[in-house]
């Protein structure tokens, strides 16, 4: 087991934040969680996640908006894991100022908190959305990215630049992780797989965009969490050794799946066919995502293990239990 750390984790009641906090607590770390519990999706799901976390004696929760000045009394914080953000590509088209506040100002506040408290280790969430409709397949971290196609993607790319600046000016070591379509139990209700499952179980039609002609590098939550936790260990160790580190890494499965095949997997797991409504491509959506995980494998030993069949089966099982589906 690694040496016990105290980690400030923003977005602790969110999907990835909850699973990351749980993994850290279970291995013996202390976690100070921040979340504003907003109503972008059903807050009761966030409260259910928090209920699980608060059973751990090493967990402390603060309900705060990161776009306000971050107030934490805890004397010693080893590392920050910054996962809080306003998520969703489509929502950013209708609510742009929400993204400016949460993703831009919120991240800047968090960086200023780190600087003022002399916290020099940070892991932060970026997104595969930064690649837009890149023609370079698979997506590599070395690619020059200056053509985002959604405001959400633009804020995530800006966050990467913020961290680069703070690394250069104030020696704040950081690892940014570009997540690729994360799914699994306790997931976000605004995600397609969640909506598909809900509608299929209720016998309602599902909306299939771009006539199903899309590919996504679906990545199971447990594989993502392994990458996040290992990144926390790496950046903390580098800081203790007085090394400088600023790295951006893809965390995906590295095996894109056709959307129609993904839907078929959900159908198989539920045992019922979907009523499919074919729709055109939505604004801000990309045709495909495909991660090159060579760098994460080299630096983190990252090796995703969960197949789509396993992952979907676990999600559907959780969904039925949580929502008491007979």
C-alpha atoms as a PDB file:
ATOM      1  CA  UNK A   1       0.000   0.000   0.000  1.00  0.00           C
ATOM      2  CA  UNK A   2       1.214   3.522  -0.799  1.00  0.00           C
ATOM      3  CA  UNK A   3       1.885   6.062   1.945  1.00  0.00           C
ATOM      4  CA  UNK A   4      -1.318   7.659   3.238  1.00  0.00           C
ATOM      5  CA  UNK A   5      -2.164  10.966   1.587  1.00  0.00           C
ATOM      6  CA  UNK A   6      -4.670  13.722   2.207  1.00  0.00           C
ATOM      7  CA  UNK A   7      -6.340  14.571  -1.083  1.00  0.00           C
ATOM      8  CA  UNK A   8      -8.634  17.480  -1.869  1.00  0.00           C
ATOM      9  CA  UNK A   9     -11.080  16.168  -4.474  1.00  0.00           C
ATOM     10  CA  UNK A  10     -13.397  18.546  -6.320  1.00  0.00           C
ATOM     11  CA  UNK A  11     -16.559  17.122  -7.845  1.00  0.00           C
ATOM     12  CA  UNK A  12     -16.663  14.443  -5.138  1.00  0.00           C
ATOM     13  CA  UNK A  13     -20.383  13.727  -5.603  1.00  0.00           C
ATOM     14  CA  UNK A  14     -20.002  13.388  -9.371  1.00  0.00           C
ATOM     15  CA  UNK A  15     -19.677  10.130 -11.281  1.00  0.00           C
ATOM     16  CA  UNK A  16     -15.891   9.914 -11.645  1.00  0.00           C
ATOM     17  CA  UNK A  17     -15.308  11.874  -8.439  1.00  0.00           C
ATOM     18  CA  UNK A  18     -17.372   9.435  -6.370  1.00  0.00           C
ATOM     19  CA  UNK A  19     -15.594   6.358  -7.709  1.00  0.00           C
ATOM     20  CA  UNK A  20     -12.168   7.990  -7.299  1.00  0.00           C
ATOM     21  CA  UNK A  21     -12.900   9.087  -3.726  1.00  0.00           C
ATOM     22  CA  UNK A  22     -14.161   5.595  -2.890  1.00  0.00           C
ATOM     23  CA  UNK A  23     -10.989   3.966  -4.250  1.00  0.00           C
ATOM     24  CA  UNK A  24      -8.744   6.386  -2.347  1.00  0.00           C
ATOM     25  CA  UNK A  25     -10.639   5.902   0.914  1.00  0.00           C
ATOM     26  CA  UNK A  26     -10.636   2.121   0.574  1.00  0.00           C
ATOM     27  CA  UNK A  27      -6.862   2.068   0.318  1.00  0.00           C
ATOM     28  CA  UNK A  28      -6.498   4.260   3.406  1.00  0.00           C
ATOM     29  CA  UNK A  29      -6.132   7.826   2.118  1.00  0.00           C
ATOM     30  CA  UNK A  30      -8.017  10.788   3.566  1.00  0.00           C
ATOM     31  CA  UNK A  31     -10.307  12.645   1.171  1.00  0.00           C
ATOM     32  CA  UNK A  32     -11.659  16.183   1.517  1.00  0.00           C
ATOM     33  CA  UNK A  33     -14.547  16.349  -0.924  1.00  0.00           C
ATOM     34  CA  UNK A  34     -15.966  19.477  -2.546  1.00  0.00           C
ATOM     35  CA  UNK A  35     -19.170  19.602  -4.594  1.00  0.00           C
ATOM     36  CA  UNK A  36     -21.971  22.117  -5.078  1.00  0.00           C
ATOM     37  CA  UNK A  37     -24.606  19.388  -5.707  1.00  0.00           C
ATOM     38  CA  UNK A  38     -26.122  21.352  -8.583  1.00  0.00           C
ATOM     39  CA  UNK A  39     -29.245  20.181 -10.389  1.00  0.00           C
ATOM     40  CA  UNK A  40     -27.756  19.643 -13.875  1.00  0.00           C
ATOM     41  CA  UNK A  41     -29.033  16.124 -13.269  1.00  0.00           C
ATOM     42  CA  UNK A  42     -31.004  14.610 -10.380  1.00  0.00           C
ATOM     43  CA  UNK A  43     -29.230  15.685  -7.146  1.00  0.00           C
ATOM     44  CA  UNK A  44     -30.663  12.648  -5.320  1.00  0.00           C
ATOM     45  CA  UNK A  45     -28.182  10.462  -7.225  1.00  0.00           C
ATOM     46  CA  UNK A  46     -25.348  12.685  -5.995  1.00  0.00           C
ATOM     47  CA  UNK A  47     -26.662  12.469  -2.437  1.00  0.00           C
ATOM     48  CA  UNK A  48     -26.791   8.663  -2.702  1.00  0.00           C
ATOM     49  CA  UNK A  49     -23.149   8.634  -3.749  1.00  0.00           C
ATOM     50  CA  UNK A  50     -22.252  10.937  -0.854  1.00  0.00           C
ATOM     51  CA  UNK A  51     -24.100   8.704   1.571  1.00  0.00           C
ATOM     52  CA  UNK A  52     -21.703   5.885   0.668  1.00  0.00           C
ATOM     53  CA  UNK A  53     -18.611   8.096   0.972  1.00  0.00           C
ATOM     54  CA  UNK A  54     -19.565   9.543   4.354  1.00  0.00           C
ATOM     55  CA  UNK A  55     -19.524   6.046   5.868  1.00  0.00           C
ATOM     56  CA  UNK A  56     -15.737   6.195   5.584  1.00  0.00           C
ATOM     57  CA  UNK A  57     -14.091   7.891   8.602  1.00  0.00           C
ATOM     58  CA  UNK A  58     -11.438   9.395   6.322  1.00  0.00           C
ATOM     59  CA  UNK A  59     -13.965  11.423   4.291  1.00  0.00           C
ATOM     60  CA  UNK A  60     -14.889  15.057   4.964  1.00  0.00           C
ATOM     61  CA  UNK A  61     -17.355  16.902   2.741  1.00  0.00           C
ATOM     62  CA  UNK A  62     -17.712  20.618   1.987  1.00  0.00           C
ATOM     63  CA  UNK A  63     -20.606  21.890  -0.086  1.00  0.00           C
ATOM     64  CA  UNK A  64     -19.039  24.707  -2.087  1.00  0.00           C
ATOM     65  CA  UNK A  65     -19.100  26.341  -5.508  1.00  0.00           C
ATOM     66  CA  UNK A  66     -15.613  26.329  -6.978  1.00  0.00           C
ATOM     67  CA  UNK A  67     -16.444  29.532  -8.867  1.00  0.00           C
ATOM     68  CA  UNK A  68     -16.393  31.163  -5.433  1.00  0.00           C
ATOM     69  CA  UNK A  69     -13.198  31.410  -3.432  1.00  0.00           C
ATOM     70  CA  UNK A  70     -12.377  27.934  -2.090  1.00  0.00           C
ATOM     71  CA  UNK A  71     -12.497  27.793   1.706  1.00  0.00           C
ATOM     72  CA  UNK A  72     -10.857  24.761   3.352  1.00  0.00           C
ATOM     73  CA  UNK A  73      -9.494  24.831   6.911  1.00  0.00           C
ATOM     74  CA  UNK A  74      -7.588  21.543   6.667  1.00  0.00           C
ATOM     75  CA  UNK A  75      -3.946  22.270   7.502  1.00  0.00           C
ATOM     76  CA  UNK A  76      -2.238  19.630   5.361  1.00  0.00           C
ATOM     77  CA  UNK A  77      -3.238  18.712   1.813  1.00  0.00           C
ATOM     78  CA  UNK A  78      -0.819  16.600  -0.212  1.00  0.00           C
ATOM     79  CA  UNK A  79      -2.502  16.625  -3.594  1.00  0.00           C
ATOM     80  CA  UNK A  80      -5.525  18.085  -5.360  1.00  0.00           C
ATOM     81  CA  UNK A  81      -7.624  15.961  -7.698  1.00  0.00           C
ATOM     82  CA  UNK A  82      -9.669  18.481  -9.673  1.00  0.00           C
ATOM     83  CA  UNK A  83     -12.628  16.728 -11.316  1.00  0.00           C
ATOM     84  CA  UNK A  84     -15.362  19.341 -10.800  1.00  0.00           C
ATOM     85  CA  UNK A  85     -16.715  20.842 -14.003  1.00  0.00           C
ATOM     86  CA  UNK A  86     -19.916  21.580 -15.822  1.00  0.00           C
ATOM     87  CA  UNK A  87     -20.160  18.532 -18.058  1.00  0.00           C
ATOM     88  CA  UNK A  88     -21.978  17.947 -21.330  1.00  0.00           C
ATOM     89  CA  UNK A  89     -21.324  19.046 -24.893  1.00  0.00           C
ATOM     90  CA  UNK A  90     -24.930  19.779 -25.890  1.00  0.00           C
ATOM     91  CA  UNK A  91     -25.791  21.660 -22.693  1.00  0.00           C
ATOM     92  CA  UNK A  92     -22.936  24.098 -23.388  1.00  0.00           C
ATOM     93  CA  UNK A  93     -24.712  25.358 -26.523  1.00  0.00           C
ATOM     94  CA  UNK A  94     -27.723  26.534 -24.503  1.00  0.00           C
ATOM     95  CA  UNK A  95     -25.945  27.516 -21.269  1.00  0.00           C
ATOM     96  CA  UNK A  96     -22.516  28.928 -22.177  1.00  0.00           C
ATOM     97  CA  UNK A  97     -22.079  31.129 -19.092  1.00  0.00           C
ATOM     98  CA  UNK A  98     -22.413  28.117 -16.798  1.00  0.00           C
ATOM     99  CA  UNK A  99     -19.275  26.687 -18.429  1.00  0.00           C
ATOM    100  CA  UNK A 100     -17.385  29.963 -18.181  1.00  0.00           C
ATOM    101  CA  UNK A 101     -18.090  30.100 -14.437  1.00  0.00           C
ATOM    102  CA  UNK A 102     -17.550  26.486 -13.450  1.00  0.00           C
ATOM    103  CA  UNK A 103     -14.864  25.313 -15.873  1.00  0.00           C
ATOM    104  CA  UNK A 104     -12.866  28.514 -16.324  1.00  0.00           C
ATOM    105  CA  UNK A 105     -13.250  30.604 -13.166  1.00  0.00           C
ATOM    106  CA  UNK A 106     -13.634  27.473 -11.013  1.00  0.00           C
ATOM    107  CA  UNK A 107     -10.375  26.013 -12.293  1.00  0.00           C
ATOM    108  CA  UNK A 108      -8.569  29.325 -11.835  1.00  0.00           C
ATOM    109  CA  UNK A 109      -9.849  29.546  -8.236  1.00  0.00           C
ATOM    110  CA  UNK A 110      -8.624  26.029  -7.583  1.00  0.00           C
ATOM    111  CA  UNK A 111      -5.182  26.867  -8.991  1.00  0.00           C
ATOM    112  CA  UNK A 112      -5.000  30.006  -6.866  1.00  0.00           C
ATOM    113  CA  UNK A 113      -5.963  27.957  -3.816  1.00  0.00           C
ATOM    114  CA  UNK A 114      -3.113  25.551  -4.615  1.00  0.00           C
ATOM    115  CA  UNK A 115      -0.644  28.414  -5.085  1.00  0.00           C
ATOM    116  CA  UNK A 116      -1.654  30.213  -1.873  1.00  0.00           C
ATOM    117  CA  UNK A 117      -1.502  27.012   0.156  1.00  0.00           C
ATOM    118  CA  UNK A 118       1.769  25.832  -1.423  1.00  0.00           C
ATOM    119  CA  UNK A 119       0.143  22.654  -2.770  1.00  0.00           C
ATOM    120  CA  UNK A 120       2.339  21.615  -5.671  1.00  0.00           C
ATOM    121  CA  UNK A 121       0.658  18.402  -6.866  1.00  0.00           C
ATOM    122  CA  UNK A 122      -2.528  18.403  -8.950  1.00  0.00           C
ATOM    123  CA  UNK A 123      -4.316  15.875 -11.151  1.00  0.00           C
ATOM    124  CA  UNK A 124      -7.088  17.368 -13.275  1.00  0.00           C
ATOM    125  CA  UNK A 125      -9.785  16.213 -15.666  1.00  0.00           C
ATOM    126  CA  UNK A 126      -9.626  17.112 -19.316  1.00  0.00           C
ATOM    127  CA  UNK A 127     -11.685  15.483 -22.057  1.00  0.00           C
ATOM    128  CA  UNK A 128     -11.489  13.659 -25.377  1.00  0.00           C
ATOM    129  CA  UNK A 129     -13.720  16.499 -26.652  1.00  0.00           C
ATOM    130  CA  UNK A 130     -10.597  18.644 -27.106  1.00  0.00           C
ATOM    131  CA  UNK A 131      -9.760  16.603 -30.225  1.00  0.00           C
ATOM    132  CA  UNK A 132     -12.902  17.772 -32.060  1.00  0.00           C
ATOM    133  CA  UNK A 133     -13.222  16.079 -35.450  1.00  0.00           C
ATOM    134  CA  UNK A 134      -9.522  15.337 -35.663  1.00  0.00           C
ATOM    135  CA  UNK A 135      -8.454  13.420 -38.735  1.00  0.00           C
ATOM    136  CA  UNK A 136      -5.456  11.920 -36.905  1.00  0.00           C
ATOM    137  CA  UNK A 137      -6.589   8.474 -35.761  1.00  0.00           C
ATOM    138  CA  UNK A 138      -6.021   7.335 -33.040  1.00  0.00           C
ATOM    139  CA  UNK A 139      -5.925  10.603 -31.083  1.00  0.00           C
ATOM    140  CA  UNK A 140      -2.434  11.375 -29.766  1.00  0.00           C
ATOM    141  CA  UNK A 141      -1.514  13.891 -27.061  1.00  0.00           C
ATOM    142  CA  UNK A 142       1.138  15.416 -29.341  1.00  0.00           C
ATOM    143  CA  UNK A 143      -1.468  16.669 -31.804  1.00  0.00           C
ATOM    144  CA  UNK A 144      -1.874  20.446 -32.072  1.00  0.00           C
ATOM    145  CA  UNK A 145      -5.436  21.243 -31.018  1.00  0.00           C
ATOM    146  CA  UNK A 146      -6.922  24.600 -31.898  1.00  0.00           C
ATOM    147  CA  UNK A 147     -10.229  23.703 -33.582  1.00  0.00           C
ATOM    148  CA  UNK A 148     -12.715  22.712 -30.843  1.00  0.00           C
ATOM    149  CA  UNK A 149     -16.317  22.290 -32.004  1.00  0.00           C
ATOM    150  CA  UNK A 150     -18.083  22.879 -28.668  1.00  0.00           C
ATOM    151  CA  UNK A 151     -17.714  25.398 -25.874  1.00  0.00           C
ATOM    152  CA  UNK A 152     -17.240  22.528 -23.421  1.00  0.00           C
ATOM    153  CA  UNK A 153     -14.230  21.346 -25.423  1.00  0.00           C
ATOM    154  CA  UNK A 154     -12.837  24.882 -25.571  1.00  0.00           C
ATOM    155  CA  UNK A 155     -13.021  25.232 -21.769  1.00  0.00           C
ATOM    156  CA  UNK A 156     -11.220  21.906 -21.291  1.00  0.00           C
ATOM    157  CA  UNK A 157      -8.421  22.908 -23.662  1.00  0.00           C
ATOM    158  CA  UNK A 158      -8.170  26.261 -21.854  1.00  0.00           C
ATOM    159  CA  UNK A 159      -7.849  24.379 -18.549  1.00  0.00           C
ATOM    160  CA  UNK A 160      -4.840  22.494 -19.919  1.00  0.00           C
ATOM    161  CA  UNK A 161      -3.235  25.844 -20.784  1.00  0.00           C
ATOM    162  CA  UNK A 162      -4.002  27.258 -17.307  1.00  0.00           C
ATOM    163  CA  UNK A 163      -2.165  24.349 -15.705  1.00  0.00           C
ATOM    164  CA  UNK A 164       0.781  24.776 -18.047  1.00  0.00           C
ATOM    165  CA  UNK A 165       1.078  28.429 -17.002  1.00  0.00           C
ATOM    166  CA  UNK A 166       0.924  27.616 -13.281  1.00  0.00           C
ATOM    167  CA  UNK A 167       3.494  24.876 -13.729  1.00  0.00           C
ATOM    168  CA  UNK A 168       5.813  27.331 -15.479  1.00  0.00           C
ATOM    169  CA  UNK A 169       5.292  30.278 -13.112  1.00  0.00           C
ATOM    170  CA  UNK A 170       4.689  28.641  -9.736  1.00  0.00           C
ATOM    171  CA  UNK A 171       6.102  25.093 -10.067  1.00  0.00           C
ATOM    172  CA  UNK A 172       2.693  23.475  -9.582  1.00  0.00           C
ATOM    173  CA  UNK A 173       3.146  19.942 -10.893  1.00  0.00           C
ATOM    174  CA  UNK A 174       0.170  18.607 -12.793  1.00  0.00           C
ATOM    175  CA  UNK A 175      -1.159  15.686 -14.803  1.00  0.00           C
ATOM    176  CA  UNK A 176      -4.162  16.297 -17.044  1.00  0.00           C
ATOM    177  CA  UNK A 177      -6.261  13.301 -18.064  1.00  0.00           C
ATOM    178  CA  UNK A 178      -8.318  13.309 -21.240  1.00  0.00           C
ATOM    179  CA  UNK A 179     -11.218  10.989 -20.411  1.00  0.00           C
ATOM    180  CA  UNK A 180     -12.875   9.057 -23.232  1.00  0.00           C
ATOM    181  CA  UNK A 181     -16.658   8.416 -22.846  1.00  0.00           C
ATOM    182  CA  UNK A 182     -16.683   7.039 -19.319  1.00  0.00           C
ATOM    183  CA  UNK A 183     -19.574   4.731 -18.387  1.00  0.00           C
ATOM    184  CA  UNK A 184     -20.573   2.377 -15.587  1.00  0.00           C
ATOM    185  CA  UNK A 185     -22.574   2.054 -12.333  1.00  0.00           C
ATOM    186  CA  UNK A 186     -23.507   5.315 -10.592  1.00  0.00           C
ATOM    187  CA  UNK A 187     -23.065   7.072 -13.953  1.00  0.00           C
ATOM    188  CA  UNK A 188     -24.541  10.314 -15.258  1.00  0.00           C
ATOM    189  CA  UNK A 189     -28.214  10.242 -16.341  1.00  0.00           C
ATOM    190  CA  UNK A 190     -27.490  12.683 -19.186  1.00  0.00           C
ATOM    191  CA  UNK A 191     -25.196  10.162 -20.909  1.00  0.00           C
ATOM    192  CA  UNK A 192     -26.541   8.179 -23.871  1.00  0.00           C
ATOM    193  CA  UNK A 193     -26.067   4.700 -22.371  1.00  0.00           C
ATOM    194  CA  UNK A 194     -28.014   5.751 -19.266  1.00  0.00           C
ATOM    195  CA  UNK A 195     -30.859   7.184 -21.351  1.00  0.00           C
ATOM    196  CA  UNK A 196     -30.900   4.121 -23.615  1.00  0.00           C
ATOM    197  CA  UNK A 197     -31.169   1.769 -20.648  1.00  0.00           C
ATOM    198  CA  UNK A 198     -33.951   3.814 -19.069  1.00  0.00           C
ATOM    199  CA  UNK A 199     -35.976   4.000 -22.290  1.00  0.00           C
ATOM    200  CA  UNK A 200     -35.516   0.340 -23.306  1.00  0.00           C
ATOM    201  CA  UNK A 201     -36.632  -0.864 -19.873  1.00  0.00           C
ATOM    202  CA  UNK A 202     -39.732   1.353 -20.111  1.00  0.00           C
ATOM    203  CA  UNK A 203     -40.487   0.363 -23.707  1.00  0.00           C
ATOM    204  CA  UNK A 204     -39.926   3.936 -24.912  1.00  0.00           C
ATOM    205  CA  UNK A 205     -38.081   4.880 -28.134  1.00  0.00           C
ATOM    206  CA  UNK A 206     -34.420   5.935 -28.079  1.00  0.00           C
ATOM    207  CA  UNK A 207     -32.923   8.741 -30.173  1.00  0.00           C
ATOM    208  CA  UNK A 208     -30.019   7.527 -32.302  1.00  0.00           C
ATOM    209  CA  UNK A 209     -28.064  10.463 -33.712  1.00  0.00           C
ATOM    210  CA  UNK A 210     -26.285  10.596 -37.077  1.00  0.00           C
ATOM    211  CA  UNK A 211     -28.302   7.476 -37.950  1.00  0.00           C
ATOM    212  CA  UNK A 212     -26.010   5.530 -35.649  1.00  0.00           C
ATOM    213  CA  UNK A 213     -22.935   6.247 -37.763  1.00  0.00           C
ATOM    214  CA  UNK A 214     -20.680   7.173 -34.861  1.00  0.00           C
ATOM    215  CA  UNK A 215     -17.894   5.481 -32.941  1.00  0.00           C
ATOM    216  CA  UNK A 216     -16.981   6.044 -29.319  1.00  0.00           C
ATOM    217  CA  UNK A 217     -14.042   4.859 -27.258  1.00  0.00           C
ATOM    218  CA  UNK A 218     -16.261   3.747 -24.361  1.00  0.00           C
ATOM    219  CA  UNK A 219     -14.177   3.323 -21.187  1.00  0.00           C
ATOM    220  CA  UNK A 220     -15.374   1.588 -18.032  1.00  0.00           C
ATOM    221  CA  UNK A 221     -15.238   3.579 -14.810  1.00  0.00           C
ATOM    222  CA  UNK A 222     -12.950   1.155 -12.912  1.00  0.00           C
ATOM    223  CA  UNK A 223     -10.287   1.448 -15.622  1.00  0.00           C
ATOM    224  CA  UNK A 224     -10.522   5.247 -15.507  1.00  0.00           C
ATOM    225  CA  UNK A 225     -10.190   5.285 -11.707  1.00  0.00           C
ATOM    226  CA  UNK A 226      -7.039   3.156 -11.903  1.00  0.00           C
ATOM    227  CA  UNK A 227      -5.533   5.809 -14.180  1.00  0.00           C
ATOM    228  CA  UNK A 228      -6.589   8.685 -11.918  1.00  0.00           C
ATOM    229  CA  UNK A 229      -5.282   7.093  -8.710  1.00  0.00           C
ATOM    230  CA  UNK A 230      -1.965   6.137 -10.326  1.00  0.00           C
ATOM    231  CA  UNK A 231      -1.650   9.713 -11.625  1.00  0.00           C
ATOM    232  CA  UNK A 232      -2.170  11.035  -8.073  1.00  0.00           C
ATOM    233  CA  UNK A 233       0.621   8.767  -6.836  1.00  0.00           C
ATOM    234  CA  UNK A 234       2.940   9.772  -9.677  1.00  0.00           C
ATOM    235  CA  UNK A 235       2.519  13.547  -9.351  1.00  0.00           C
ATOM    236  CA  UNK A 236       2.823  13.346  -5.535  1.00  0.00           C
ATOM    237  CA  UNK A 237       6.042  11.334  -5.763  1.00  0.00           C
ATOM    238  CA  UNK A 238       7.521  13.669  -8.383  1.00  0.00           C
ATOM    239  CA  UNK A 239       6.777  16.667  -6.162  1.00  0.00           C
ATOM    240  CA  UNK A 240       8.360  15.038  -3.098  1.00  0.00           C
ATOM    241  CA  UNK A 241      11.475  14.370  -5.185  1.00  0.00           C
ATOM    242  CA  UNK A 242      11.520  18.019  -6.311  1.00  0.00           C
ATOM    243  CA  UNK A 243      10.988  16.973  -9.926  1.00  0.00           C
ATOM    244  CA  UNK A 244       8.987  19.082 -12.348  1.00  0.00           C
ATOM    245  CA  UNK A 245       6.099  17.442 -14.186  1.00  0.00           C
ATOM    246  CA  UNK A 246       3.407  18.702 -16.548  1.00  0.00           C
ATOM    247  CA  UNK A 247       1.825  15.898 -18.557  1.00  0.00           C
ATOM    248  CA  UNK A 248      -1.345  15.434 -20.582  1.00  0.00           C
ATOM    249  CA  UNK A 249      -2.518  11.852 -21.096  1.00  0.00           C
ATOM    250  CA  UNK A 250      -5.370  10.030 -22.781  1.00  0.00           C
ATOM    251  CA  UNK A 251      -7.382   7.629 -20.650  1.00  0.00           C
ATOM    252  CA  UNK A 252      -9.519   5.505 -22.934  1.00  0.00           C
ATOM    253  CA  UNK A 253      -9.984   1.869 -23.797  1.00  0.00           C
ATOM    254  CA  UNK A 254      -8.262   2.268 -27.154  1.00  0.00           C
ATOM    255  CA  UNK A 255     -10.945   0.267 -28.982  1.00  0.00           C
ATOM    256  CA  UNK A 256     -13.731   2.384 -30.504  1.00  0.00           C
ATOM    257  CA  UNK A 257     -17.146   0.747 -30.729  1.00  0.00           C
ATOM    258  CA  UNK A 258     -19.858   1.465 -33.280  1.00  0.00           C
ATOM    259  CA  UNK A 259     -22.832   3.138 -31.615  1.00  0.00           C
ATOM    260  CA  UNK A 260     -25.219   0.536 -33.045  1.00  0.00           C
ATOM    261  CA  UNK A 261     -23.097  -2.290 -31.605  1.00  0.00           C
ATOM    262  CA  UNK A 262     -23.080  -0.524 -28.240  1.00  0.00           C
ATOM    263  CA  UNK A 263     -26.888  -0.287 -28.312  1.00  0.00           C
ATOM    264  CA  UNK A 264     -27.067  -3.993 -29.210  1.00  0.00           C
ATOM    265  CA  UNK A 265     -24.961  -4.786 -26.141  1.00  0.00           C
ATOM    266  CA  UNK A 266     -27.418  -2.881 -23.928  1.00  0.00           C
ATOM    267  CA  UNK A 267     -30.326  -4.736 -25.587  1.00  0.00           C
ATOM    268  CA  UNK A 268     -28.633  -8.081 -24.973  1.00  0.00           C
ATOM    269  CA  UNK A 269     -27.983  -7.255 -21.330  1.00  0.00           C
ATOM    270  CA  UNK A 270     -31.584  -6.131 -20.740  1.00  0.00           C
ATOM    271  CA  UNK A 271     -33.119  -8.873 -22.905  1.00  0.00           C
ATOM    272  CA  UNK A 272     -35.299  -6.476 -24.868  1.00  0.00           C
ATOM    273  CA  UNK A 273     -35.036  -4.689 -28.223  1.00  0.00           C
ATOM    274  CA  UNK A 274     -34.921  -0.911 -28.461  1.00  0.00           C
ATOM    275  CA  UNK A 275     -37.373   1.153 -30.473  1.00  0.00           C
ATOM    276  CA  UNK A 276     -34.915   3.238 -32.483  1.00  0.00           C
ATOM    277  CA  UNK A 277     -35.641   6.744 -33.753  1.00  0.00           C
ATOM    278  CA  UNK A 278     -32.950   7.779 -36.215  1.00  0.00           C
ATOM    279  CA  UNK A 279     -31.952  11.436 -35.926  1.00  0.00           C
ATOM    280  CA  UNK A 280     -29.394  13.702 -37.662  1.00  0.00           C
ATOM    281  CA  UNK A 281     -26.083  14.627 -36.031  1.00  0.00           C
ATOM    282  CA  UNK A 282     -26.411  17.078 -33.161  1.00  0.00           C
ATOM    283  CA  UNK A 283     -24.453  20.312 -32.963  1.00  0.00           C
ATOM    284  CA  UNK A 284     -21.168  19.945 -31.100  1.00  0.00           C
ATOM    285  CA  UNK A 285     -21.034  16.153 -31.489  1.00  0.00           C
ATOM    286  CA  UNK A 286     -18.010  14.448 -33.043  1.00  0.00           C
ATOM    287  CA  UNK A 287     -18.004  11.529 -35.485  1.00  0.00           C
ATOM    288  CA  UNK A 288     -15.662   9.331 -33.505  1.00  0.00           C
ATOM    289  CA  UNK A 289     -13.271   9.168 -30.575  1.00  0.00           C
ATOM    290  CA  UNK A 290     -10.276   6.857 -30.453  1.00  0.00           C
ATOM    291  CA  UNK A 291      -7.566   7.110 -27.807  1.00  0.00           C
ATOM    292  CA  UNK A 292      -3.914   6.290 -28.240  1.00  0.00           C
ATOM    293  CA  UNK A 293      -3.044   5.158 -24.696  1.00  0.00           C
ATOM    294  CA  UNK A 294       0.672   4.521 -25.330  1.00  0.00           C
ATOM    295  CA  UNK A 295       1.739   7.400 -23.082  1.00  0.00           C
ATOM    296  CA  UNK A 296      -0.529   6.419 -20.166  1.00  0.00           C
ATOM    297  CA  UNK A 297       0.710   2.846 -20.437  1.00  0.00           C
ATOM    298  CA  UNK A 298       4.347   4.000 -20.319  1.00  0.00           C
ATOM    299  CA  UNK A 299       3.987   6.500 -17.448  1.00  0.00           C
ATOM    300  CA  UNK A 300       1.197   4.924 -15.390  1.00  0.00           C
ATOM    301  CA  UNK A 301       1.205   1.259 -16.348  1.00  0.00           C
ATOM    302  CA  UNK A 302      -2.360   1.965 -17.535  1.00  0.00           C
ATOM    303  CA  UNK A 303      -4.006  -1.152 -18.939  1.00  0.00           C
ATOM    304  CA  UNK A 304      -7.827  -1.071 -19.322  1.00  0.00           C
ATOM    305  CA  UNK A 305      -9.272  -4.510 -18.561  1.00  0.00           C
ATOM    306  CA  UNK A 306     -13.053  -4.246 -18.854  1.00  0.00           C
ATOM    307  CA  UNK A 307     -14.814  -5.343 -22.045  1.00  0.00           C
ATOM    308  CA  UNK A 308     -17.935  -3.555 -23.292  1.00  0.00           C
ATOM    309  CA  UNK A 309     -19.994  -6.673 -22.550  1.00  0.00           C
ATOM    310  CA  UNK A 310     -18.754  -6.825 -18.932  1.00  0.00           C
ATOM    311  CA  UNK A 311     -19.141  -3.091 -18.389  1.00  0.00           C
ATOM    312  CA  UNK A 312     -22.669  -2.833 -19.781  1.00  0.00           C
ATOM    313  CA  UNK A 313     -23.767  -5.913 -17.841  1.00  0.00           C
ATOM    314  CA  UNK A 314     -22.514  -4.372 -14.582  1.00  0.00           C
ATOM    315  CA  UNK A 315     -24.214  -1.061 -15.361  1.00  0.00           C
ATOM    316  CA  UNK A 316     -27.585  -2.629 -16.185  1.00  0.00           C
ATOM    317  CA  UNK A 317     -27.397  -4.739 -13.036  1.00  0.00           C
ATOM    318  CA  UNK A 318     -26.691  -1.623 -10.933  1.00  0.00           C
ATOM    319  CA  UNK A 319     -29.439   0.360 -12.720  1.00  0.00           C
ATOM    320  CA  UNK A 320     -32.089  -2.282 -11.995  1.00  0.00           C
ATOM    321  CA  UNK A 321     -31.076  -2.477  -8.358  1.00  0.00           C
ATOM    322  CA  UNK A 322     -30.813   1.276  -7.765  1.00  0.00           C
ATOM    323  CA  UNK A 323     -34.084   2.139  -9.512  1.00  0.00           C
ATOM    324  CA  UNK A 324     -35.806  -1.015  -8.218  1.00  0.00           C
ATOM    325  CA  UNK A 325     -36.716  -2.297 -11.659  1.00  0.00           C
ATOM    326  CA  UNK A 326     -38.570  -5.597 -11.434  1.00  0.00           C
END
